[in-house]
Protein backbone atom coordinates (compact mmCIF):
# COMPACT_ATOMS: atom_id res chain seq x y z
CA PHE A 1 -28.01 25.54 -5.76
CA LYS A 2 -28.64 28.26 -7.58
CA VAL A 3 -25.58 29.11 -10.05
CA PRO A 4 -24.68 30.09 -13.91
CA THR A 5 -24.81 27.40 -15.82
CA HIS A 6 -22.59 28.25 -18.95
CA HIS A 7 -19.51 26.67 -17.68
CA PHE A 8 -21.30 23.33 -17.03
CA VAL A 9 -22.83 23.52 -20.51
CA THR A 10 -19.60 24.05 -21.96
CA GLN A 11 -17.34 21.92 -20.35
CA SER A 12 -19.80 18.54 -20.30
CA GLU A 13 -22.13 16.73 -22.88
CA VAL A 14 -23.84 15.57 -20.53
CA PHE A 15 -25.08 18.78 -18.63
CA ALA A 16 -25.16 20.02 -22.66
CA ASP A 17 -27.88 17.60 -22.80
CA MET A 18 -29.37 18.15 -19.69
CA LEU A 19 -29.89 21.72 -19.76
CA SER A 20 -30.46 22.04 -23.76
CA LEU A 21 -33.89 23.99 -23.75
CA PRO A 22 -37.08 22.89 -25.15
CA GLN A 23 -38.77 25.73 -27.31
CA GLY A 24 -42.37 27.53 -27.35
CA PRO A 25 -44.14 27.27 -23.48
CA ALA A 26 -42.83 24.18 -22.72
CA ALA A 27 -39.02 25.96 -22.34
CA ALA A 28 -40.54 27.92 -18.79
CA GLU A 29 -41.39 24.26 -17.12
CA ALA A 30 -37.81 22.93 -18.47
CA GLU A 31 -36.37 21.11 -15.27
CA GLY A 32 -34.37 23.58 -14.14
CA GLN A 33 -35.70 26.35 -15.23
CA SER A 34 -37.14 27.70 -12.32
CA ARG A 35 -36.90 26.25 -8.09
CA GLU A 36 -40.08 24.19 -8.27
CA ASN A 37 -38.27 22.60 -10.94
CA PRO A 38 -35.32 21.59 -10.25
CA ILE A 39 -32.11 19.38 -11.40
CA VAL A 40 -32.06 17.03 -9.13
CA LEU A 41 -28.48 15.19 -9.53
CA PRO A 42 -26.92 11.91 -8.04
CA VAL A 43 -24.31 13.55 -5.68
CA THR A 44 -23.91 14.81 -2.56
CA GLU A 45 -23.77 18.21 -1.23
CA GLN A 46 -20.93 18.13 -0.55
CA ASP A 47 -19.40 16.98 -3.87
CA PHE A 48 -21.44 19.02 -5.69
CA ARG A 49 -20.15 22.08 -3.49
CA ARG A 50 -16.35 20.92 -4.07
CA LEU A 51 -17.23 20.98 -7.74
CA LEU A 52 -17.99 24.58 -7.98
CA ARG A 53 -14.78 25.35 -6.16
CA ALA A 54 -12.75 24.01 -8.16
CA LEU A 55 -14.71 24.64 -11.96
CA TYR A 56 -15.43 28.05 -11.57
CA PRO A 57 -12.27 29.64 -10.40
CA LEU A 58 -10.53 27.07 -13.46
CA TYR A 59 -12.64 30.02 -15.13
CA VAL A 60 -13.52 33.43 -13.95
CA VAL A 61 -10.02 33.25 -12.10
CA GLN A 62 -7.98 31.71 -14.56
CA GLU A 63 -5.50 34.54 -14.61
CA ALA A 64 -5.40 34.43 -10.54
CA PRO A 65 -2.11 33.48 -8.56
CA LYS A 66 -3.30 31.62 -6.56
CA SER A 67 -5.98 28.71 -6.85
CA PRO A 68 -8.43 26.80 -5.04
CA SER A 69 -6.51 24.40 -2.35
CA PHE A 70 -7.90 20.82 -1.69
CA ASN A 71 -7.12 17.70 0.00
CA LYS A 72 -7.08 14.76 -1.13
CA GLU A 73 -10.94 13.40 -0.38
CA GLU A 74 -12.22 16.51 -1.93
CA LEU A 75 -9.65 15.73 -5.28
CA VAL A 76 -10.70 12.23 -5.80
CA SER A 77 -14.41 14.25 -5.31
CA LEU A 78 -13.50 15.58 -7.97
CA LEU A 79 -13.01 12.83 -9.83
CA LYS A 80 -15.69 11.27 -9.32
CA LEU A 81 -17.72 13.66 -10.68
CA SER A 82 -14.98 15.10 -13.34
CA LYS A 83 -15.69 11.02 -14.55
CA LEU A 84 -19.53 11.32 -14.03
CA TRP A 85 -20.54 13.93 -15.95
CA ALA A 86 -17.95 13.96 -18.27
CA MET A 87 -15.91 16.97 -16.85
CA LYS A 88 -11.90 16.52 -18.91
CA ARG A 89 -11.12 19.67 -17.20
CA VAL A 90 -11.90 19.07 -13.65
CA ARG A 91 -10.40 15.56 -14.13
CA ASP A 92 -7.04 16.91 -15.70
CA TYR A 93 -6.88 19.71 -12.81
CA ALA A 94 -7.13 16.48 -10.34
CA VAL A 95 -5.47 14.08 -11.49
CA GLU A 96 -2.53 16.52 -11.76
CA LYS A 97 -3.01 17.50 -7.87
CA ILE A 98 -3.26 14.19 -6.94
CA THR A 99 0.04 13.27 -8.00
CA GLU A 100 1.97 15.61 -6.72
CA ILE A 101 0.44 14.11 -3.25
CA LEU A 102 1.23 10.77 -4.59
CA ASN A 103 3.84 9.30 -2.49
CA SER A 104 2.14 9.99 0.52
CA ILE A 105 -1.29 8.41 -0.24
CA ASP A 106 -1.19 4.16 0.50
CA PRO A 107 0.06 2.17 -2.46
CA VAL A 108 -3.03 -0.15 -2.41
CA GLU A 109 -5.31 3.29 -2.46
CA ARG A 110 -3.02 4.61 -5.73
CA VAL A 111 -4.04 1.02 -7.31
CA THR A 112 -7.63 1.18 -6.59
CA LEU A 113 -7.40 5.62 -7.88
CA ALA A 114 -5.65 4.00 -10.69
CA ARG A 115 -8.38 1.41 -11.97
CA GLU A 116 -11.60 3.40 -10.95
CA TYR A 117 -10.41 7.02 -12.86
CA SER A 118 -7.68 5.23 -15.38
CA VAL A 119 -5.04 6.77 -14.43
CA GLU A 120 -1.85 4.83 -15.56
CA ARG A 121 1.32 6.30 -13.90
CA TRP A 122 -0.93 5.96 -10.21
CA LEU A 123 -1.07 2.09 -11.25
CA ARG A 124 2.60 1.66 -11.60
CA SER A 125 3.69 3.65 -8.90
CA GLY A 126 0.78 1.74 -7.00
CA TYR A 127 2.41 -1.82 -7.92
CA MET A 128 6.20 -0.63 -7.64
CA ALA A 129 5.80 0.76 -4.58
CA LEU A 130 3.96 -2.71 -3.00
CA ALA A 131 6.32 -4.73 -4.89
CA THR A 132 9.44 -3.26 -2.82
CA ARG A 133 7.86 -3.20 1.08
CA TYR A 134 7.55 -5.94 3.38
CA PRO A 135 5.54 -8.09 3.26
CA VAL A 136 4.51 -7.40 -0.11
CA VAL A 137 0.99 -7.63 0.24
CA SER A 138 -1.37 -8.44 2.98
CA ILE A 139 -5.03 -10.15 2.82
CA ASP A 140 -6.41 -6.90 3.70
CA ASP A 141 -4.76 -5.42 0.69
CA ALA A 142 -5.19 -8.62 -1.32
CA ARG A 143 -8.85 -8.50 -0.67
CA LEU A 144 -8.88 -4.88 -2.38
CA ILE A 145 -6.30 -5.36 -5.09
CA GLY A 146 -7.67 -8.45 -6.07
CA TRP A 147 -6.16 -12.17 -5.17
CA GLU A 148 -4.10 -12.14 -8.82
CA SER A 149 -2.64 -9.19 -8.52
CA ALA A 150 -1.64 -9.44 -5.23
CA LEU A 151 -0.16 -13.24 -6.50
CA LEU A 152 1.52 -11.27 -9.41
CA LEU A 153 3.16 -9.03 -6.90
CA GLU A 154 4.66 -11.41 -5.19
CA HIS A 155 5.86 -12.91 -8.27
CA VAL A 156 7.78 -9.47 -8.69
CA ARG A 157 9.45 -9.50 -5.61
CA GLU A 158 10.62 -13.40 -6.32
CA GLU A 159 12.14 -13.03 -9.17
CA ALA A 160 13.63 -10.00 -8.47
CA HIS A 161 15.70 -11.81 -5.65
CA ALA A 162 16.44 -14.56 -7.75
CA ALA A 163 18.46 -11.83 -9.90
CA HIS A 164 19.94 -10.70 -6.80
CA ARG A 165 20.85 -14.10 -5.54
CA VAL A 166 22.62 -15.42 -8.96
CA GLY A 167 24.95 -12.28 -9.16
CA ARG A 168 22.40 -10.19 -11.76
CA GLY A 169 22.90 -7.18 -9.82
CA SER A 170 21.39 -5.82 -6.16
CA LEU A 171 17.78 -6.12 -5.43
CA SER A 172 17.20 -2.90 -7.44
CA GLU A 173 13.90 -0.13 -8.66
CA TYR A 174 15.32 -1.40 -12.15
CA HIS A 175 14.56 -5.72 -11.24
CA VAL A 176 11.29 -4.37 -9.71
CA GLN A 177 10.12 -2.71 -12.86
CA SER A 178 11.42 -4.44 -15.39
CA GLY A 179 9.18 -7.57 -13.31
CA VAL A 180 6.10 -5.14 -12.82
CA GLU A 181 6.17 -3.86 -16.53
CA ASN A 182 5.79 -7.86 -17.80
CA LYS A 183 3.38 -9.57 -15.06
CA PHE A 184 0.94 -6.06 -15.60
CA SER A 185 1.76 -5.21 -19.01
CA VAL A 186 -1.64 -6.50 -19.90
CA GLU A 187 -3.89 -3.99 -17.70
CA PHE A 188 -1.74 -1.10 -18.11
CA GLN A 189 -2.73 -1.07 -21.72
CA GLY A 190 -5.85 -1.15 -20.80
CA ILE A 191 -5.58 1.47 -18.48
CA ARG A 192 -4.06 3.08 -21.33
CA ARG A 193 -6.85 2.48 -23.61
CA ALA A 194 -9.26 3.87 -21.47
CA GLU A 195 -7.01 7.33 -20.16
CA ALA A 196 -6.22 8.04 -24.08
CA ALA A 197 -9.87 8.45 -23.82
CA TYR A 198 -10.08 11.76 -22.28
CA ARG A 199 -7.88 13.21 -24.61
CA VAL A 200 -10.05 12.81 -26.78
């Protein structure tokens, strides 16, 4: 790829460091300054193309009525690279677009994506959906989200059913939500701290 570097440098400290030019005769031989000495990035060509598609329209045609459209897989690619290279604007874009389609994403995947990319609302949404479906968590799901989380979800469901049985109302979103907030409060706090780091 041969692309302008301005937006990479201004939006990522990682790229700013990588592309800072040495002074003097060494400048011509610096990595990324010639075809003979390209910068080799530890990502797939497909992921990098997706990043370019997202990054350049965000800056070059900001006022255009249509922004590029991405499917879920492409948006996750953008998240992966934005995390790798600390690209806040790309991350914000991907998080916003995935949030728009969140209900179409399997709850287990919501949990795993939330943990990987530090998005508290996805984590909460995934746990809420898992706690209200039947069966709560399969063995395969438990392997993906962790056995402790699977057990806590079962407790949330049991407590919500117990509240219903003793006449404190129906099994409602309120009972499940308060159980999820209680059982997973430590994890929510950790994700919230990690997510806050992206806003700095």
